[in-house]
Amino acid sequence: MYEAYQIVAVLTILANAVIAILDFCKANFVLQNSAAVDVPESWIPWLAALKAAGATGLLLGLLGVPYVGTAAAVGLVVFFIGAVLTHIRAKAISTIGAPVAYLALAVATLTLGLV
């Protein structure tokens, strides 16, 4: 079971690290999606920092600090629940797939980490 956790955690780390970098670079699709859900552009670096912190915390969990990894997984779950709710509130259903996928990764990582 630990191998499954490692695989899912690495996928979650990579996914969040990549999107955090794209957020920091203010990729065009990031700006478009943020505008579509009424998230101000000034929030993007802060949201990117939260994603990067989550990825870093998960990495620390894999490197032997399990409580930090668990806290990071919880943080990512809460973050992406907020992202999904933001998309629902804005009725931006066509772009809800990415936050749902990130939420699924975070939930899987948290679940496997607790098992």
PDB file of N, CA and C in Angstrom:
ATOM      1  N   MET A   1       0.824  -1.195   0.000  1.00  0.00           N
ATOM      2  CA  MET A   1       0.000   0.000   0.000  1.00  0.00           C
ATOM      3  C   MET A   1       0.868   1.259   0.000  1.00  0.00           C
ATOM      4  N   TYR A   2       2.036   1.170   0.639  1.00  0.00           N
ATOM      5  CA  TYR A   2       2.916   2.335   0.693  1.00  0.00           C
ATOM      6  C   TYR A   2       3.408   2.719  -0.704  1.00  0.00           C
ATOM      7  N   GLU A   3       3.593   1.729  -1.565  1.00  0.00           N
ATOM      8  CA  GLU A   3       4.033   2.031  -2.930  1.00  0.00           C
ATOM      9  C   GLU A   3       2.963   2.835  -3.672  1.00  0.00           C
ATOM     10  N   ALA A   4       1.703   2.467  -3.464  1.00  0.00           N
ATOM     11  CA  ALA A   4       0.609   3.216  -4.096  1.00  0.00           C
ATOM     12  C   ALA A   4       0.603   4.652  -3.596  1.00  0.00           C
ATOM     13  N   TYR A   5       0.809   4.827  -2.283  1.00  0.00           N
ATOM     14  CA  TYR A   5       0.882   6.178  -1.719  1.00  0.00           C
ATOM     15  C   TYR A   5       2.015   6.961  -2.357  1.00  0.00           C
ATOM     16  N   GLN A   6       3.175   6.338  -2.481  1.00  0.00           N
ATOM     17  CA  GLN A   6       4.325   7.027  -3.071  1.00  0.00           C
ATOM     18  C   GLN A   6       4.026   7.484  -4.507  1.00  0.00           C
ATOM     19  N   ILE A   7       3.441   6.614  -5.281  1.00  0.00           N
ATOM     20  CA  ILE A   7       3.136   6.936  -6.688  1.00  0.00           C
ATOM     21  C   ILE A   7       2.142   8.092  -6.770  1.00  0.00           C
ATOM     22  N   VAL A   8       1.059   7.991  -6.002  1.00  0.00           N
ATOM     23  CA  VAL A   8       0.031   9.035  -6.044  1.00  0.00           C
ATOM     24  C   VAL A   8       0.583  10.348  -5.480  1.00  0.00           C
ATOM     25  N   ALA A   9       1.382  10.258  -4.431  1.00  0.00           N
ATOM     26  CA  ALA A   9       1.965  11.470  -3.849  1.00  0.00           C
ATOM     27  C   ALA A   9       2.900  12.154  -4.841  1.00  0.00           C
ATOM     28  N   VAL A  10       3.702  11.390  -5.543  1.00  0.00           N
ATOM     29  CA  VAL A  10       4.605  11.972  -6.544  1.00  0.00           C
ATOM     30  C   VAL A  10       3.800  12.629  -7.663  1.00  0.00           C
ATOM     31  N   LEU A  11       2.744  11.977  -8.117  1.00  0.00           N
ATOM     32  CA  LEU A  11       1.886  12.580  -9.139  1.00  0.00           C
ATOM     33  C   LEU A  11       1.265  13.888  -8.642  1.00  0.00           C
ATOM     34  N   THR A  12       0.831  13.894  -7.399  1.00  0.00           N
ATOM     35  CA  THR A  12       0.226  15.093  -6.813  1.00  0.00           C
ATOM     36  C   THR A  12       1.265  16.199  -6.671  1.00  0.00           C
ATOM     37  N   ILE A  13       2.461  15.844  -6.252  1.00  0.00           N
ATOM     38  CA  ILE A  13       3.547  16.823  -6.138  1.00  0.00           C
ATOM     39  C   ILE A  13       3.846  17.437  -7.497  1.00  0.00           C
ATOM     40  N   LEU A  14       4.015  16.588  -8.499  1.00  0.00           N
ATOM     41  CA  LEU A  14       4.343  17.086  -9.843  1.00  0.00           C
ATOM     42  C   LEU A  14       3.236  17.965 -10.399  1.00  0.00           C
ATOM     43  N   ALA A  15       1.995  17.518 -10.257  1.00  0.00           N
ATOM     44  CA  ALA A  15       0.867  18.289 -10.788  1.00  0.00           C
ATOM     45  C   ALA A  15       0.787  19.662 -10.137  1.00  0.00           C
ATOM     46  N   ASN A  16       0.940  19.711  -8.820  1.00  0.00           N
ATOM     47  CA  ASN A  16       0.841  20.992  -8.120  1.00  0.00           C
ATOM     48  C   ASN A  16       2.059  21.867  -8.365  1.00  0.00           C
ATOM     49  N   ALA A  17       3.220  21.268  -8.508  1.00  0.00           N
ATOM     50  CA  ALA A  17       4.421  22.057  -8.812  1.00  0.00           C
ATOM     51  C   ALA A  17       4.307  22.687 -10.197  1.00  0.00           C
ATOM     52  N   VAL A  18       3.828  21.919 -11.161  1.00  0.00           N
ATOM     53  CA  VAL A  18       3.688  22.440 -12.526  1.00  0.00           C
ATOM     54  C   VAL A  18       2.671  23.573 -12.571  1.00  0.00           C
ATOM     55  N   ILE A  19       1.504  23.379 -11.951  1.00  0.00           N
ATOM     56  CA  ILE A  19       0.488  24.440 -12.020  1.00  0.00           C
ATOM     57  C   ILE A  19       0.928  25.656 -11.217  1.00  0.00           C
ATOM     58  N   ALA A  20       1.668  25.457 -10.140  1.00  0.00           N
ATOM     59  CA  ALA A  20       2.180  26.604  -9.381  1.00  0.00           C
ATOM     60  C   ALA A  20       3.139  27.424 -10.245  1.00  0.00           C
ATOM     61  N   ILE A  21       4.015  26.741 -10.970  1.00  0.00           N
ATOM     62  CA  ILE A  21       4.945  27.445 -11.863  1.00  0.00           C
ATOM     63  C   ILE A  21       4.176  28.206 -12.943  1.00  0.00           C
ATOM     64  N   LEU A  22       3.188  27.552 -13.534  1.00  0.00           N
ATOM     65  CA  LEU A  22       2.376  28.214 -14.561  1.00  0.00           C
ATOM     66  C   LEU A  22       1.611  29.408 -13.984  1.00  0.00           C
ATOM     67  N   ASP A  23       1.158  29.264 -12.745  1.00  0.00           N
ATOM     68  CA  ASP A  23       0.490  30.389 -12.079  1.00  0.00           C
ATOM     69  C   ASP A  23       1.471  31.542 -11.867  1.00  0.00           C
ATOM     70  N   PHE A  24       2.659  31.227 -11.355  1.00  0.00           N
ATOM     71  CA  PHE A  24       3.667  32.268 -11.124  1.00  0.00           C
ATOM     72  C   PHE A  24       4.038  32.969 -12.432  1.00  0.00           C
ATOM     73  N   CYS A  25       4.063  32.215 -13.530  1.00  0.00           N
ATOM     74  CA  CYS A  25       4.387  32.788 -14.842  1.00  0.00           C
ATOM     75  C   CYS A  25       3.183  33.485 -15.477  1.00  0.00           C
ATOM     76  N   LYS A  26       2.037  33.387 -14.831  1.00  0.00           N
ATOM     77  CA  LYS A  26       0.785  33.963 -15.338  1.00  0.00           C
ATOM     78  C   LYS A  26       0.515  33.528 -16.777  1.00  0.00           C
ATOM     79  N   ALA A  27       0.523  32.215 -16.942  1.00  0.00           N
ATOM     80  CA  ALA A  27       0.204  31.632 -18.250  1.00  0.00           C
ATOM     81  C   ALA A  27      -1.160  32.127 -18.698  1.00  0.00           C
ATOM     82  N   ASN A  28      -1.324  32.247 -19.994  1.00  0.00           N
ATOM     83  CA  ASN A  28      -2.549  32.813 -20.563  1.00  0.00           C
ATOM     84  C   ASN A  28      -3.803  32.090 -20.085  1.00  0.00           C
ATOM     85  N   PHE A  29      -3.785  30.748 -20.093  1.00  0.00           N
ATOM     86  CA  PHE A  29      -4.970  30.006 -19.674  1.00  0.00           C
ATOM     87  C   PHE A  29      -5.261  30.217 -18.192  1.00  0.00           C
ATOM     88  N   VAL A  30      -4.226  30.441 -17.385  1.00  0.00           N
ATOM     89  CA  VAL A  30      -4.423  30.717 -15.963  1.00  0.00           C
ATOM     90  C   VAL A  30      -5.181  32.033 -15.799  1.00  0.00           C
ATOM     91  N   LEU A  31      -4.756  33.054 -16.530  1.00  0.00           N
ATOM     92  CA  LEU A  31      -5.427  34.350 -16.463  1.00  0.00           C
ATOM     93  C   LEU A  31      -6.867  34.253 -16.955  1.00  0.00           C
ATOM     94  N   GLN A  32      -7.085  33.483 -18.018  1.00  0.00           N
ATOM     95  CA  GLN A  32      -8.437  33.326 -18.562  1.00  0.00           C
ATOM     96  C   GLN A  32      -9.349  32.595 -17.572  1.00  0.00           C
ATOM     97  N   ASN A  33      -8.837  31.512 -16.991  1.00  0.00           N
ATOM     98  CA  ASN A  33      -9.650  30.758 -16.029  1.00  0.00           C
ATOM     99  C   ASN A  33      -9.942  31.585 -14.786  1.00  0.00           C
ATOM    100  N   SER A  34      -8.957  32.327 -14.321  1.00  0.00           N
ATOM    101  CA  SER A  34      -9.161  33.174 -13.139  1.00  0.00           C
ATOM    102  C   SER A  34     -10.221  34.224 -13.406  1.00  0.00           C
ATOM    103  N   ALA A  35     -10.153  34.842 -14.568  1.00  0.00           N
ATOM    104  CA  ALA A  35     -11.151  35.848 -14.937  1.00  0.00           C
ATOM    105  C   ALA A  35     -12.541  35.219 -15.042  1.00  0.00           C
ATOM    106  N   ALA A  36     -12.610  34.009 -15.555  1.00  0.00           N
ATOM    107  CA  ALA A  36     -13.897  33.336 -15.735  1.00  0.00           C
ATOM    108  C   ALA A  36     -14.582  33.029 -14.405  1.00  0.00           C
ATOM    109  N   VAL A  37     -13.794  32.869 -13.342  1.00  0.00           N
ATOM    110  CA  VAL A  37     -14.378  32.557 -12.025  1.00  0.00           C
ATOM    111  C   VAL A  37     -14.283  33.743 -11.068  1.00  0.00           C
ATOM    112  N   ASP A  38     -13.996  34.923 -11.618  1.00  0.00           N
ATOM    113  CA  ASP A  38     -13.950  36.166 -10.840  1.00  0.00           C
ATOM    114  C   ASP A  38     -12.887  36.172  -9.749  1.00  0.00           C
ATOM    115  N   VAL A  39     -11.754  35.549 -10.018  1.00  0.00           N
ATOM    116  CA  VAL A  39     -10.614  35.611  -9.105  1.00  0.00           C
ATOM    117  C   VAL A  39      -9.698  36.714  -9.616  1.00  0.00           C
ATOM    118  N   PRO A  40      -9.422  37.716  -8.789  1.00  0.00           N
ATOM    119  CA  PRO A  40      -8.565  38.817  -9.237  1.00  0.00           C
ATOM    120  C   PRO A  40      -7.156  38.339  -9.589  1.00  0.00           C
ATOM    121  N   GLU A  41      -6.581  38.959 -10.601  1.00  0.00           N
ATOM    122  CA  GLU A  41      -5.225  38.592 -11.027  1.00  0.00           C
ATOM    123  C   GLU A  41      -4.216  38.755  -9.890  1.00  0.00           C
ATOM    124  N   SER A  42      -4.459  39.692  -9.005  1.00  0.00           N
ATOM    125  CA  SER A  42      -3.535  39.927  -7.882  1.00  0.00           C
ATOM    126  C   SER A  42      -3.492  38.745  -6.911  1.00  0.00           C
ATOM    127  N   TRP A  43      -4.494  37.873  -6.946  1.00  0.00           N
ATOM    128  CA  TRP A  43      -4.512  36.705  -6.074  1.00  0.00           C
ATOM    129  C   TRP A  43      -3.678  35.555  -6.620  1.00  0.00           C
ATOM    130  N   ILE A  44      -3.393  35.566  -7.904  1.00  0.00           N
ATOM    131  CA  ILE A  44      -2.754  34.409  -8.539  1.00  0.00           C
ATOM    132  C   ILE A  44      -1.425  34.036  -7.889  1.00  0.00           C
ATOM    133  N   PRO A  45      -0.515  34.975  -7.615  1.00  0.00           N
ATOM    134  CA  PRO A  45       0.737  34.564  -6.967  1.00  0.00           C
ATOM    135  C   PRO A  45       0.522  33.940  -5.585  1.00  0.00           C
ATOM    136  N   TRP A  46      -0.469  34.422  -4.852  1.00  0.00           N
ATOM    137  CA  TRP A  46      -0.754  33.854  -3.530  1.00  0.00           C
ATOM    138  C   TRP A  46      -1.304  32.445  -3.647  1.00  0.00           C
ATOM    139  N   LEU A  47      -2.181  32.240  -4.603  1.00  0.00           N
ATOM    140  CA  LEU A  47      -2.725  30.905  -4.825  1.00  0.00           C
ATOM    141  C   LEU A  47      -1.636  29.955  -5.311  1.00  0.00           C
ATOM    142  N   ALA A  48      -0.743  30.466  -6.153  1.00  0.00           N
ATOM    143  CA  ALA A  48       0.396  29.659  -6.619  1.00  0.00           C
ATOM    144  C   ALA A  48       1.286  29.267  -5.448  1.00  0.00           C
ATOM    145  N   ALA A  49       1.502  30.197  -4.541  1.00  0.00           N
ATOM    146  CA  ALA A  49       2.339  29.900  -3.369  1.00  0.00           C
ATOM    147  C   ALA A  49       1.717  28.806  -2.509  1.00  0.00           C
ATOM    148  N   LEU A  50       0.386  28.813  -2.385  1.00  0.00           N
ATOM    149  CA  LEU A  50      -0.280  27.751  -1.623  1.00  0.00           C
ATOM    150  C   LEU A  50      -0.107  26.397  -2.295  1.00  0.00           C
ATOM    151  N   LYS A  51      -0.227  26.355  -3.613  1.00  0.00           N
ATOM    152  CA  LYS A  51      -0.028  25.099  -4.345  1.00  0.00           C
ATOM    153  C   LYS A  51       1.411  24.623  -4.203  1.00  0.00           C
ATOM    154  N   ALA A  52       2.356  25.553  -4.308  1.00  0.00           N
ATOM    155  CA  ALA A  52       3.771  25.195  -4.160  1.00  0.00           C
ATOM    156  C   ALA A  52       4.065  24.708  -2.745  1.00  0.00           C
ATOM    157  N   ALA A  53       3.455  25.345  -1.757  1.00  0.00           N
ATOM    158  CA  ALA A  53       3.636  24.905  -0.370  1.00  0.00           C
ATOM    159  C   ALA A  53       3.075  23.504  -0.170  1.00  0.00           C
ATOM    160  N   GLY A  54       1.928  23.238  -0.788  1.00  0.00           N
ATOM    161  CA  GLY A  54       1.352  21.892  -0.695  1.00  0.00           C
ATOM    162  C   GLY A  54       2.260  20.848  -1.311  1.00  0.00           C
ATOM    163  N   ALA A  55       2.798  21.151  -2.479  1.00  0.00           N
ATOM    164  CA  ALA A  55       3.715  20.214  -3.140  1.00  0.00           C
ATOM    165  C   ALA A  55       4.967  20.001  -2.296  1.00  0.00           C
ATOM    166  N   THR A  56       5.496  21.079  -1.733  1.00  0.00           N
ATOM    167  CA  THR A  56       6.694  20.977  -0.895  1.00  0.00           C
ATOM    168  C   THR A  56       6.414  20.157   0.357  1.00  0.00           C
ATOM    169  N   GLY A  57       5.258  20.394   0.969  1.00  0.00           N
ATOM    170  CA  GLY A  57       4.888  19.626   2.158  1.00  0.00           C
ATOM    171  C   GLY A  57       4.733  18.144   1.866  1.00  0.00           C
ATOM    172  N   LEU A  58       4.121  17.824   0.721  1.00  0.00           N
ATOM    173  CA  LEU A  58       4.012  16.408   0.346  1.00  0.00           C
ATOM    174  C   LEU A  58       5.382  15.783   0.125  1.00  0.00           C
ATOM    175  N   LEU A  59       6.276  16.546  -0.491  1.00  0.00           N
ATOM    176  CA  LEU A  59       7.637  16.048  -0.696  1.00  0.00           C
ATOM    177  C   LEU A  59       8.322  15.790   0.641  1.00  0.00           C
ATOM    178  N   LEU A  60       8.168  16.710   1.576  1.00  0.00           N
ATOM    179  CA  LEU A  60       8.747  16.493   2.908  1.00  0.00           C
ATOM    180  C   LEU A  60       8.151  15.249   3.562  1.00  0.00           C
ATOM    181  N   GLY A  61       6.862  15.014   3.331  1.00  0.00           N
ATOM    182  CA  GLY A  61       6.235  13.804   3.857  1.00  0.00           C
ATOM    183  C   GLY A  61       6.866  12.545   3.298  1.00  0.00           C
ATOM    184  N   LEU A  62       7.153  12.559   2.010  1.00  0.00           N
ATOM    185  CA  LEU A  62       7.818  11.398   1.384  1.00  0.00           C
ATOM    186  C   LEU A  62       9.240  11.226   1.885  1.00  0.00           C
ATOM    187  N   LEU A  63       9.863  12.342   2.271  1.00  0.00           N
ATOM    188  CA  LEU A  63      11.252  12.296   2.727  1.00  0.00           C
ATOM    189  C   LEU A  63      11.389  11.995   4.218  1.00  0.00           C
ATOM    190  N   GLY A  64      10.264  11.687   4.880  1.00  0.00           N
ATOM    191  CA  GLY A  64      10.365  11.235   6.260  1.00  0.00           C
ATOM    192  C   GLY A  64       9.740  12.127   7.309  1.00  0.00           C
ATOM    193  N   VAL A  65       8.986  13.131   6.907  1.00  0.00           N
ATOM    194  CA  VAL A  65       8.290  13.983   7.869  1.00  0.00           C
ATOM    195  C   VAL A  65       6.782  13.797   7.631  1.00  0.00           C
ATOM    196  N   PRO A  66       6.234  12.664   8.091  1.00  0.00           N
ATOM    197  CA  PRO A  66       4.873  12.297   7.722  1.00  0.00           C
ATOM    198  C   PRO A  66       3.803  13.298   8.152  1.00  0.00           C
ATOM    199  N   TYR A  67       3.958  13.924   9.296  1.00  0.00           N
ATOM    200  CA  TYR A  67       2.929  14.867   9.739  1.00  0.00           C
ATOM    201  C   TYR A  67       2.855  16.085   8.828  1.00  0.00           C
ATOM    202  N   VAL A  68       3.980  16.513   8.313  1.00  0.00           N
ATOM    203  CA  VAL A  68       3.984  17.632   7.367  1.00  0.00           C
ATOM    204  C   VAL A  68       3.299  17.203   6.071  1.00  0.00           C
ATOM    205  N   GLY A  69       3.578  15.985   5.627  1.00  0.00           N
ATOM    206  CA  GLY A  69       2.931  15.464   4.425  1.00  0.00           C
ATOM    207  C   GLY A  69       1.427  15.365   4.589  1.00  0.00           C
ATOM    208  N   THR A  70       0.989  14.903   5.738  1.00  0.00           N
ATOM    209  CA  THR A  70      -0.451  14.804   5.998  1.00  0.00           C
ATOM    210  C   THR A  70      -1.085  16.192   6.040  1.00  0.00           C
ATOM    211  N   ALA A  71      -0.430  17.128   6.711  1.00  0.00           N
ATOM    212  CA  ALA A  71      -0.947  18.496   6.782  1.00  0.00           C
ATOM    213  C   ALA A  71      -1.025  19.115   5.384  1.00  0.00           C
ATOM    214  N   ALA A  72      -0.019  18.855   4.562  1.00  0.00           N
ATOM    215  CA  ALA A  72      -0.016  19.382   3.198  1.00  0.00           C
ATOM    216  C   ALA A  72      -1.159  18.784   2.380  1.00  0.00           C
ATOM    217  N   ALA A  73      -1.389  17.494   2.540  1.00  0.00           N
ATOM    218  CA  ALA A  73      -2.487  16.843   1.815  1.00  0.00           C
ATOM    219  C   ALA A  73      -3.829  17.421   2.248  1.00  0.00           C
ATOM    220  N   VAL A  74      -4.011  17.627   3.544  1.00  0.00           N
ATOM    221  CA  VAL A  74      -5.249  18.240   4.042  1.00  0.00           C
ATOM    222  C   VAL A  74      -5.401  19.643   3.454  1.00  0.00           C
ATOM    223  N   GLY A  75      -4.311  20.399   3.467  1.00  0.00           N
ATOM    224  CA  GLY A  75      -4.349  21.751   2.919  1.00  0.00           C
ATOM    225  C   GLY A  75      -4.736  21.768   1.451  1.00  0.00           C
ATOM    226  N   LEU A  76      -4.184  20.845   0.672  1.00  0.00           N
ATOM    227  CA  LEU A  76      -4.528  20.775  -0.753  1.00  0.00           C
ATOM    228  C   LEU A  76      -5.983  20.359  -0.963  1.00  0.00           C
ATOM    229  N   VAL A  77      -6.473  19.449  -0.143  1.00  0.00           N
ATOM    230  CA  VAL A  77      -7.879  19.051  -0.243  1.00  0.00           C
ATOM    231  C   VAL A  77      -8.771  20.267   0.003  1.00  0.00           C
ATOM    232  N   VAL A  78      -8.493  21.005   1.065  1.00  0.00           N
ATOM    233  CA  VAL A  78      -9.294  22.191   1.378  1.00  0.00           C
ATOM    234  C   VAL A  78      -9.179  23.228   0.262  1.00  0.00           C
ATOM    235  N   PHE A  79      -7.958  23.442  -0.222  1.00  0.00           N
ATOM    236  CA  PHE A  79      -7.730  24.414  -1.300  1.00  0.00           C
ATOM    237  C   PHE A  79      -8.565  24.063  -2.525  1.00  0.00           C
ATOM    238  N   PHE A  80      -8.516  22.814  -2.954  1.00  0.00           N
ATOM    239  CA  PHE A  80      -9.209  22.437  -4.180  1.00  0.00           C
ATOM    240  C   PHE A  80     -10.720  22.280  -3.989  1.00  0.00           C
ATOM    241  N   ILE A  81     -11.175  22.028  -2.772  1.00  0.00           N
ATOM    242  CA  ILE A  81     -12.619  22.128  -2.521  1.00  0.00           C
ATOM    243  C   ILE A  81     -13.046  23.570  -2.774  1.00  0.00           C
ATOM    244  N   GLY A  82     -12.249  24.506  -2.284  1.00  0.00           N
ATOM    245  CA  GLY A  82     -12.536  25.910  -2.537  1.00  0.00           C
ATOM    246  C   GLY A  82     -12.525  26.241  -4.014  1.00  0.00           C
ATOM    247  N   ALA A  83     -11.573  25.677  -4.755  1.00  0.00           N
ATOM    248  CA  ALA A  83     -11.496  25.928  -6.194  1.00  0.00           C
ATOM    249  C   ALA A  83     -12.727  25.380  -6.920  1.00  0.00           C
ATOM    250  N   VAL A  84     -13.137  24.182  -6.554  1.00  0.00           N
ATOM    251  CA  VAL A  84     -14.329  23.587  -7.181  1.00  0.00           C
ATOM    252  C   VAL A  84     -15.566  24.427  -6.851  1.00  0.00           C
ATOM    253  N   LEU A  85     -15.705  24.823  -5.602  1.00  0.00           N
ATOM    254  CA  LEU A  85     -16.852  25.654  -5.215  1.00  0.00           C
ATOM    255  C   LEU A  85     -16.828  26.999  -5.933  1.00  0.00           C
ATOM    256  N   THR A  86     -15.640  27.554  -6.142  1.00  0.00           N
ATOM    257  CA  THR A  86     -15.517  28.818  -6.871  1.00  0.00           C
ATOM    258  C   THR A  86     -16.001  28.656  -8.302  1.00  0.00           C
ATOM    259  N   HIS A  87     -15.645  27.544  -8.936  1.00  0.00           N
ATOM    260  CA  HIS A  87     -16.115  27.283 -10.301  1.00  0.00           C
ATOM    261  C   HIS A  87     -17.633  27.105 -10.334  1.00  0.00           C
ATOM    262  N   ILE A  88     -18.168  26.403  -9.342  1.00  0.00           N
ATOM    263  CA  ILE A  88     -19.616  26.199  -9.287  1.00  0.00           C
ATOM    264  C   ILE A  88     -20.324  27.540  -9.078  1.00  0.00           C
ATOM    265  N   ARG A  89     -19.817  28.343  -8.153  1.00  0.00           N
ATOM    266  CA  ARG A  89     -20.426  29.646  -7.878  1.00  0.00           C
ATOM    267  C   ARG A  89     -20.459  30.512  -9.132  1.00  0.00           C
ATOM    268  N   ALA A  90     -19.361  30.468  -9.902  1.00  0.00           N
ATOM    269  CA  ALA A  90     -19.267  31.282 -11.120  1.00  0.00           C
ATOM    270  C   ALA A  90     -19.947  30.615 -12.317  1.00  0.00           C
ATOM    271  N   LYS A  91     -20.494  29.428 -12.092  1.00  0.00           N
ATOM    272  CA  LYS A  91     -21.126  28.660 -13.176  1.00  0.00           C
ATOM    273  C   LYS A  91     -20.150  28.420 -14.325  1.00  0.00           C
ATOM    274  N   ALA A  92     -18.889  28.216 -13.973  1.00  0.00           N
ATOM    275  CA  ALA A  92     -17.840  27.939 -14.957  1.00  0.00           C
ATOM    276  C   ALA A  92     -17.618  26.428 -15.025  1.00  0.00           C
ATOM    277  N   ILE A  93     -18.648  25.730 -15.401  1.00  0.00           N
ATOM    278  CA  ILE A  93     -18.614  24.269 -15.405  1.00  0.00           C
ATOM    279  C   ILE A  93     -17.677  23.729 -16.488  1.00  0.00           C
ATOM    280  N   SER A  94     -17.506  24.486 -17.565  1.00  0.00           N
ATOM    281  CA  SER A  94     -16.639  24.007 -18.647  1.00  0.00           C
ATOM    282  C   SER A  94     -15.173  23.938 -18.233  1.00  0.00           C
ATOM    283  N   THR A  95     -14.785  24.650 -17.173  1.00  0.00           N
ATOM    284  CA  THR A  95     -13.387  24.628 -16.721  1.00  0.00           C
ATOM    285  C   THR A  95     -13.228  23.977 -15.354  1.00  0.00           C
ATOM    286  N   ILE A  96     -14.244  23.253 -14.915  1.00  0.00           N
ATOM    287  CA  ILE A  96     -14.193  22.662 -13.579  1.00  0.00           C
ATOM    288  C   ILE A  96     -13.376  21.376 -13.534  1.00  0.00           C
ATOM    289  N   GLY A  97     -13.069  20.807 -14.694  1.00  0.00           N
ATOM    290  CA  GLY A  97     -12.361  19.523 -14.741  1.00  0.00           C
ATOM    291  C   GLY A  97     -11.004  19.546 -14.057  1.00  0.00           C
ATOM    292  N   ALA A  98     -10.234  20.585 -14.286  1.00  0.00           N
ATOM    293  CA  ALA A  98      -8.897  20.652 -13.691  1.00  0.00           C
ATOM    294  C   ALA A  98      -8.958  20.708 -12.165  1.00  0.00           C
ATOM    295  N   PRO A  99      -9.758  21.602 -11.565  1.00  0.00           N
ATOM    296  CA  PRO A  99      -9.816  21.595 -10.107  1.00  0.00           C
ATOM    297  C   PRO A  99     -10.323  20.272  -9.527  1.00  0.00           C
ATOM    298  N   VAL A 100     -11.253  19.639 -10.232  1.00  0.00           N
ATOM    299  CA  VAL A 100     -11.753  18.337  -9.761  1.00  0.00           C
ATOM    300  C   VAL A 100     -10.633  17.297  -9.807  1.00  0.00           C
ATOM    301  N   ALA A 101      -9.838  17.316 -10.873  1.00  0.00           N
ATOM    302  CA  ALA A 101      -8.725  16.363 -10.985  1.00  0.00           C
ATOM    303  C   ALA A 101      -7.692  16.595  -9.889  1.00  0.00           C
ATOM    304  N   TYR A 102      -7.364  17.864  -9.636  1.00  0.00           N
ATOM    305  CA  TYR A 102      -6.415  18.174  -8.563  1.00  0.00           C
ATOM    306  C   TYR A 102      -6.977  17.775  -7.206  1.00  0.00           C
ATOM    307  N   LEU A 103      -8.274  18.004  -7.011  1.00  0.00           N
ATOM    308  CA  LEU A 103      -8.916  17.589  -5.762  1.00  0.00           C
ATOM    309  C   LEU A 103      -8.848  16.070  -5.612  1.00  0.00           C
ATOM    310  N   ALA A 104      -9.107  15.343  -6.682  1.00  0.00           N
ATOM    311  CA  ALA A 104      -9.051  13.877  -6.627  1.00  0.00           C
ATOM    312  C   ALA A 104      -7.653  13.396  -6.259  1.00  0.00           C
ATOM    313  N   LEU A 105      -6.632  14.015  -6.850  1.00  0.00           N
ATOM    314  CA  LEU A 105      -5.257  13.646  -6.500  1.00  0.00           C
ATOM    315  C   LEU A 105      -4.968  13.915  -5.027  1.00  0.00           C
ATOM    316  N   ALA A 106      -5.395  15.081  -4.543  1.00  0.00           N
ATOM    317  CA  ALA A 106      -5.149  15.434  -3.143  1.00  0.00           C
ATOM    318  C   ALA A 106      -5.881  14.486  -2.202  1.00  0.00           C
ATOM    319  N   VAL A 107      -7.143  14.160  -2.521  1.00  0.00           N
ATOM    320  CA  VAL A 107      -7.916  13.233  -1.687  1.00  0.00           C
ATOM    321  C   VAL A 107      -7.269  11.854  -1.706  1.00  0.00           C
ATOM    322  N   ALA A 108      -6.844  11.390  -2.873  1.00  0.00           N
ATOM    323  CA  ALA A 108      -6.195  10.075  -2.961  1.00  0.00           C
ATOM    324  C   ALA A 108      -4.904  10.052  -2.156  1.00  0.00           C
ATOM    325  N   THR A 109      -4.130  11.124  -2.242  1.00  0.00           N
ATOM    326  CA  THR A 109      -2.884  11.191  -1.482  1.00  0.00           C
ATOM    327  C   THR A 109      -3.166  11.178   0.005  1.00  0.00           C
ATOM    328  N   LEU A 110      -4.119  11.965   0.440  1.00  0.00           N
ATOM    329  CA  LEU A 110      -4.472  11.999   1.874  1.00  0.00           C
ATOM    330  C   LEU A 110      -4.972  10.644   2.329  1.00  0.00           C
ATOM    331  N   THR A 111      -5.868  10.039   1.565  1.00  0.00           N
ATOM    332  CA  THR A 111      -6.443   8.746   1.942  1.00  0.00           C
ATOM    333  C   THR A 111      -5.369   7.673   2.038  1.00  0.00           C
ATOM    334  N   LEU A 112      -4.531   7.571   1.016  1.00  0.00           N
ATOM    335  CA  LEU A 112      -3.479   6.552   1.037  1.00  0.00           C
ATOM    336  C   LEU A 112      -2.457   6.821   2.135  1.00  0.00           C
ATOM    337  N   GLY A 113      -2.216   8.093   2.415  1.00  0.00           N
ATOM    338  CA  GLY A 113      -1.275   8.441   3.475  1.00  0.00           C
ATOM    339  C   GLY A 113      -1.783   8.080   4.859  1.00  0.00           C
ATOM    340  N   LEU A 114      -3.091   8.074   5.014  1.00  0.00           N
ATOM    341  CA  LEU A 114      -3.666   7.740   6.322  1.00  0.00           C
ATOM    342  C   LEU A 114      -3.877   6.251   6.516  1.00  0.00           C
ATOM    343  N   VAL A 115      -3.886   5.495   5.417  1.00  0.00           N
ATOM    344  CA  VAL A 115      -4.132   4.041   5.507  1.00  0.00           C
ATOM    345  C   VAL A 115      -2.907   3.318   6.022  1.00  0.00           C
TER     346      VAL A 115
END
